[in-house]
Amino acid sequence: MKKLTISSVIVVSILLTACAEVTGWSPTVDPYNDRNAYRIPQDTTECKQ
């Protein structure tokens, strides 16, 4: 019975997290040694459109 309860909790947790919405996410950009680093804000704006 204890295994069934643990399994149920795990399954419910997975189902709930699968439906979670990610907000406020933004990609990490590493401009080190990038000749076009000055374009990052423009590229980000274009990508969001």
PDB file of N, CA and C in Angstrom:
ATOM      1  N   MET A   1       0.828  -1.190   0.000  1.00  0.00           N
ATOM      2  CA  MET A   1       0.000   0.000   0.000  1.00  0.00           C
ATOM      3  C   MET A   1       0.874   1.255   0.000  1.00  0.00           C
ATOM      4  N   LYS A   2       2.001   1.193   0.696  1.00  0.00           N
ATOM      5  CA  LYS A   2       2.887   2.344   0.777  1.00  0.00           C
ATOM      6  C   LYS A   2       3.511   2.647  -0.585  1.00  0.00           C
ATOM      7  N   LYS A   3       3.851   1.592  -1.342  1.00  0.00           N
ATOM      8  CA  LYS A   3       4.410   1.782  -2.682  1.00  0.00           C
ATOM      9  C   LYS A   3       3.402   2.458  -3.598  1.00  0.00           C
ATOM     10  N   LEU A   4       2.143   2.088  -3.457  1.00  0.00           N
ATOM     11  CA  LEU A   4       1.086   2.679  -4.274  1.00  0.00           C
ATOM     12  C   LEU A   4       0.946   4.166  -3.968  1.00  0.00           C
ATOM     13  N   THR A   5       1.034   4.547  -2.727  1.00  0.00           N
ATOM     14  CA  THR A   5       0.916   5.942  -2.334  1.00  0.00           C
ATOM     15  C   THR A   5       2.090   6.760  -2.863  1.00  0.00           C
ATOM     16  N   ILE A   6       3.288   6.243  -2.740  1.00  0.00           N
ATOM     17  CA  ILE A   6       4.477   6.934  -3.236  1.00  0.00           C
ATOM     18  C   ILE A   6       4.401   7.068  -4.748  1.00  0.00           C
ATOM     19  N   SER A   7       3.997   6.015  -5.418  1.00  0.00           N
ATOM     20  CA  SER A   7       3.855   6.059  -6.868  1.00  0.00           C
ATOM     21  C   SER A   7       2.800   7.075  -7.284  1.00  0.00           C
ATOM     22  N   SER A   8       1.716   7.131  -6.554  1.00  0.00           N
ATOM     23  CA  SER A   8       0.655   8.087  -6.861  1.00  0.00           C
ATOM     24  C   SER A   8       1.143   9.520  -6.705  1.00  0.00           C
ATOM     25  N   VAL A   9       1.892   9.778  -5.670  1.00  0.00           N
ATOM     26  CA  VAL A   9       2.430  11.120  -5.438  1.00  0.00           C
ATOM     27  C   VAL A   9       3.392  11.502  -6.565  1.00  0.00           C
ATOM     28  N   ILE A  10       4.214  10.592  -6.968  1.00  0.00           N
ATOM     29  CA  ILE A  10       5.165  10.860  -8.051  1.00  0.00           C
ATOM     30  C   ILE A  10       4.424  11.146  -9.355  1.00  0.00           C
ATOM     31  N   VAL A  11       3.444  10.333  -9.682  1.00  0.00           N
ATOM     32  CA  VAL A  11       2.690  10.528 -10.922  1.00  0.00           C
ATOM     33  C   VAL A  11       1.958  11.865 -10.907  1.00  0.00           C
ATOM     34  N   VAL A  12       1.310  12.199  -9.818  1.00  0.00           N
ATOM     35  CA  VAL A  12       0.589  13.468  -9.719  1.00  0.00           C
ATOM     36  C   VAL A  12       1.558  14.638  -9.817  1.00  0.00           C
ATOM     37  N   SER A  13       2.712  14.531  -9.191  1.00  0.00           N
ATOM     38  CA  SER A  13       3.713  15.599  -9.257  1.00  0.00           C
ATOM     39  C   SER A  13       4.190  15.816 -10.686  1.00  0.00           C
ATOM     40  N   ILE A  14       4.432  14.746 -11.398  1.00  0.00           N
ATOM     41  CA  ILE A  14       4.879  14.854 -12.791  1.00  0.00           C
ATOM     42  C   ILE A  14       3.793  15.498 -13.646  1.00  0.00           C
ATOM     43  N   LEU A  15       2.572  15.092 -13.448  1.00  0.00           N
ATOM     44  CA  LEU A  15       1.478  15.661 -14.235  1.00  0.00           C
ATOM     45  C   LEU A  15       1.293  17.153 -13.947  1.00  0.00           C
ATOM     46  N   LEU A  16       1.426  17.548 -12.709  1.00  0.00           N
ATOM     47  CA  LEU A  16       1.259  18.961 -12.362  1.00  0.00           C
ATOM     48  C   LEU A  16       2.394  19.820 -12.892  1.00  0.00           C
ATOM     49  N   THR A  17       3.604  19.316 -12.840  1.00  0.00           N
ATOM     50  CA  THR A  17       4.730  20.104 -13.335  1.00  0.00           C
ATOM     51  C   THR A  17       4.763  20.145 -14.855  1.00  0.00           C
ATOM     52  N   ALA A  18       4.193  19.156 -15.504  1.00  0.00           N
ATOM     53  CA  ALA A  18       4.140  19.154 -16.961  1.00  0.00           C
ATOM     54  C   ALA A  18       3.222  20.248 -17.477  1.00  0.00           C
ATOM     55  N   CYS A  19       2.261  20.652 -16.671  1.00  0.00           N
ATOM     56  CA  CYS A  19       1.308  21.691 -17.073  1.00  0.00           C
ATOM     57  C   CYS A  19       1.733  23.079 -16.611  1.00  0.00           C
ATOM     58  N   ALA A  20       2.824  23.182 -15.919  1.00  0.00           N
ATOM     59  CA  ALA A  20       3.275  24.473 -15.408  1.00  0.00           C
ATOM     60  C   ALA A  20       3.725  25.367 -16.557  1.00  0.00           C
ATOM     61  N   GLU A  21       3.463  26.636 -16.423  1.00  0.00           N
ATOM     62  CA  GLU A  21       3.839  27.590 -17.455  1.00  0.00           C
ATOM     63  C   GLU A  21       5.099  28.327 -17.024  1.00  0.00           C
ATOM     64  N   VAL A  22       6.028  28.435 -17.932  1.00  0.00           N
ATOM     65  CA  VAL A  22       7.278  29.130 -17.652  1.00  0.00           C
ATOM     66  C   VAL A  22       7.099  30.591 -18.041  1.00  0.00           C
ATOM     67  N   THR A  23       7.311  31.478 -17.082  1.00  0.00           N
ATOM     68  CA  THR A  23       7.193  32.907 -17.372  1.00  0.00           C
ATOM     69  C   THR A  23       8.474  33.605 -16.965  1.00  0.00           C
ATOM     70  N   GLY A  24       8.781  34.674 -17.649  1.00  0.00           N
ATOM     71  CA  GLY A  24       9.950  35.451 -17.295  1.00  0.00           C
ATOM     72  C   GLY A  24      11.256  34.835 -17.757  1.00  0.00           C
ATOM     73  N   TRP A  25      11.177  33.848 -18.625  1.00  0.00           N
ATOM     74  CA  TRP A  25      12.389  33.197 -19.103  1.00  0.00           C
ATOM     75  C   TRP A  25      13.032  34.037 -20.190  1.00  0.00           C
ATOM     76  N   SER A  26      14.326  34.134 -20.158  1.00  0.00           N
ATOM     77  CA  SER A  26      15.055  34.785 -21.241  1.00  0.00           C
ATOM     78  C   SER A  26      16.349  34.007 -21.462  1.00  0.00           C
ATOM     79  N   PRO A  27      16.785  33.921 -22.707  1.00  0.00           N
ATOM     80  CA  PRO A  27      17.978  33.128 -22.979  1.00  0.00           C
ATOM     81  C   PRO A  27      19.237  33.771 -22.417  1.00  0.00           C
ATOM     82  N   THR A  28      20.196  32.953 -22.081  1.00  0.00           N
ATOM     83  CA  THR A  28      21.486  33.444 -21.620  1.00  0.00           C
ATOM     84  C   THR A  28      22.371  33.678 -22.832  1.00  0.00           C
ATOM     85  N   VAL A  29      22.918  34.878 -22.915  1.00  0.00           N
ATOM     86  CA  VAL A  29      23.753  35.237 -24.054  1.00  0.00           C
ATOM     87  C   VAL A  29      25.148  35.560 -23.541  1.00  0.00           C
ATOM     88  N   ASP A  30      26.127  34.921 -24.130  1.00  0.00           N
ATOM     89  CA  ASP A  30      27.515  35.156 -23.753  1.00  0.00           C
ATOM     90  C   ASP A  30      28.204  35.936 -24.874  1.00  0.00           C
ATOM     91  N   PRO A  31      28.394  37.242 -24.696  1.00  0.00           N
ATOM     92  CA  PRO A  31      28.968  38.052 -25.772  1.00  0.00           C
ATOM     93  C   PRO A  31      30.496  37.996 -25.835  1.00  0.00           C
ATOM     94  N   TYR A  32      31.113  37.211 -24.980  1.00  0.00           N
ATOM     95  CA  TYR A  32      32.565  37.140 -24.952  1.00  0.00           C
ATOM     96  C   TYR A  32      33.107  36.668 -26.299  1.00  0.00           C
ATOM     97  N   ASN A  33      34.028  37.407 -26.836  1.00  0.00           N
ATOM     98  CA  ASN A  33      34.707  37.067 -28.077  1.00  0.00           C
ATOM     99  C   ASN A  33      33.742  36.999 -29.272  1.00  0.00           C
ATOM    100  N   ASP A  34      32.656  37.778 -29.211  1.00  0.00           N
ATOM    101  CA  ASP A  34      31.689  37.834 -30.298  1.00  0.00           C
ATOM    102  C   ASP A  34      31.841  39.172 -31.010  1.00  0.00           C
ATOM    103  N   ARG A  35      32.197  39.122 -32.275  1.00  0.00           N
ATOM    104  CA  ARG A  35      32.405  40.365 -33.034  1.00  0.00           C
ATOM    105  C   ARG A  35      31.101  41.135 -33.221  1.00  0.00           C
ATOM    106  N   ASN A  36      29.959  40.462 -33.119  1.00  0.00           N
ATOM    107  CA  ASN A  36      28.665  41.092 -33.338  1.00  0.00           C
ATOM    108  C   ASN A  36      27.870  41.257 -32.044  1.00  0.00           C
ATOM    109  N   ALA A  37      28.551  41.407 -30.940  1.00  0.00           N
ATOM    110  CA  ALA A  37      27.868  41.526 -29.643  1.00  0.00           C
ATOM    111  C   ALA A  37      26.978  42.760 -29.581  1.00  0.00           C
ATOM    112  N   TYR A  38      27.303  43.775 -30.320  1.00  0.00           N
ATOM    113  CA  TYR A  38      26.490  44.993 -30.309  1.00  0.00           C
ATOM    114  C   TYR A  38      25.095  44.744 -30.902  1.00  0.00           C
ATOM    115  N   ARG A  39      24.913  43.645 -31.609  1.00  0.00           N
ATOM    116  CA  ARG A  39      23.633  43.325 -32.229  1.00  0.00           C
ATOM    117  C   ARG A  39      22.688  42.541 -31.314  1.00  0.00           C
ATOM    118  N   ILE A  40      23.125  42.146 -30.168  1.00  0.00           N
ATOM    119  CA  ILE A  40      22.325  41.286 -29.285  1.00  0.00           C
ATOM    120  C   ILE A  40      20.967  41.897 -28.953  1.00  0.00           C
ATOM    121  N   PRO A  41      20.883  43.167 -28.531  1.00  0.00           N
ATOM    122  CA  PRO A  41      19.551  43.729 -28.240  1.00  0.00           C
ATOM    123  C   PRO A  41      18.625  43.720 -29.464  1.00  0.00           C
ATOM    124  N   GLN A  42      19.160  44.034 -30.628  1.00  0.00           N
ATOM    125  CA  GLN A  42      18.355  44.029 -31.854  1.00  0.00           C
ATOM    126  C   GLN A  42      17.883  42.614 -32.182  1.00  0.00           C
ATOM    127  N   ASP A  43      18.759  41.669 -32.084  1.00  0.00           N
ATOM    128  CA  ASP A  43      18.403  40.275 -32.367  1.00  0.00           C
ATOM    129  C   ASP A  43      17.336  39.766 -31.389  1.00  0.00           C
ATOM    130  N   THR A  44      17.475  40.151 -30.132  1.00  0.00           N
ATOM    131  CA  THR A  44      16.499  39.730 -29.121  1.00  0.00           C
ATOM    132  C   THR A  44      15.124  40.314 -29.428  1.00  0.00           C
ATOM    133  N   THR A  45      15.090  41.582 -29.812  1.00  0.00           N
ATOM    134  CA  THR A  45      13.824  42.232 -30.154  1.00  0.00           C
ATOM    135  C   THR A  45      13.189  41.558 -31.365  1.00  0.00           C
ATOM    136  N   GLU A  46      13.984  41.274 -32.363  1.00  0.00           N
ATOM    137  CA  GLU A  46      13.456  40.597 -33.555  1.00  0.00           C
ATOM    138  C   GLU A  46      12.937  39.204 -33.225  1.00  0.00           C
ATOM    139  N   CYS A  47      13.614  38.525 -32.356  1.00  0.00           N
ATOM    140  CA  CYS A  47      13.203  37.171 -31.980  1.00  0.00           C
ATOM    141  C   CYS A  47      11.866  37.192 -31.241  1.00  0.00           C
ATOM    142  N   LYS A  48      11.661  38.174 -30.378  1.00  0.00           N
ATOM    143  CA  LYS A  48      10.414  38.272 -29.614  1.00  0.00           C
ATOM    144  C   LYS A  48       9.228  38.574 -30.511  1.00  0.00           C
ATOM    145  N   GLN A  49       9.494  39.239 -31.645  1.00  0.00           N
ATOM    146  CA  GLN A  49       8.401  39.564 -32.564  1.00  0.00           C
ATOM    147  C   GLN A  49       7.980  38.305 -33.264  1.00  0.00           C
TER     148      GLN A  49
END
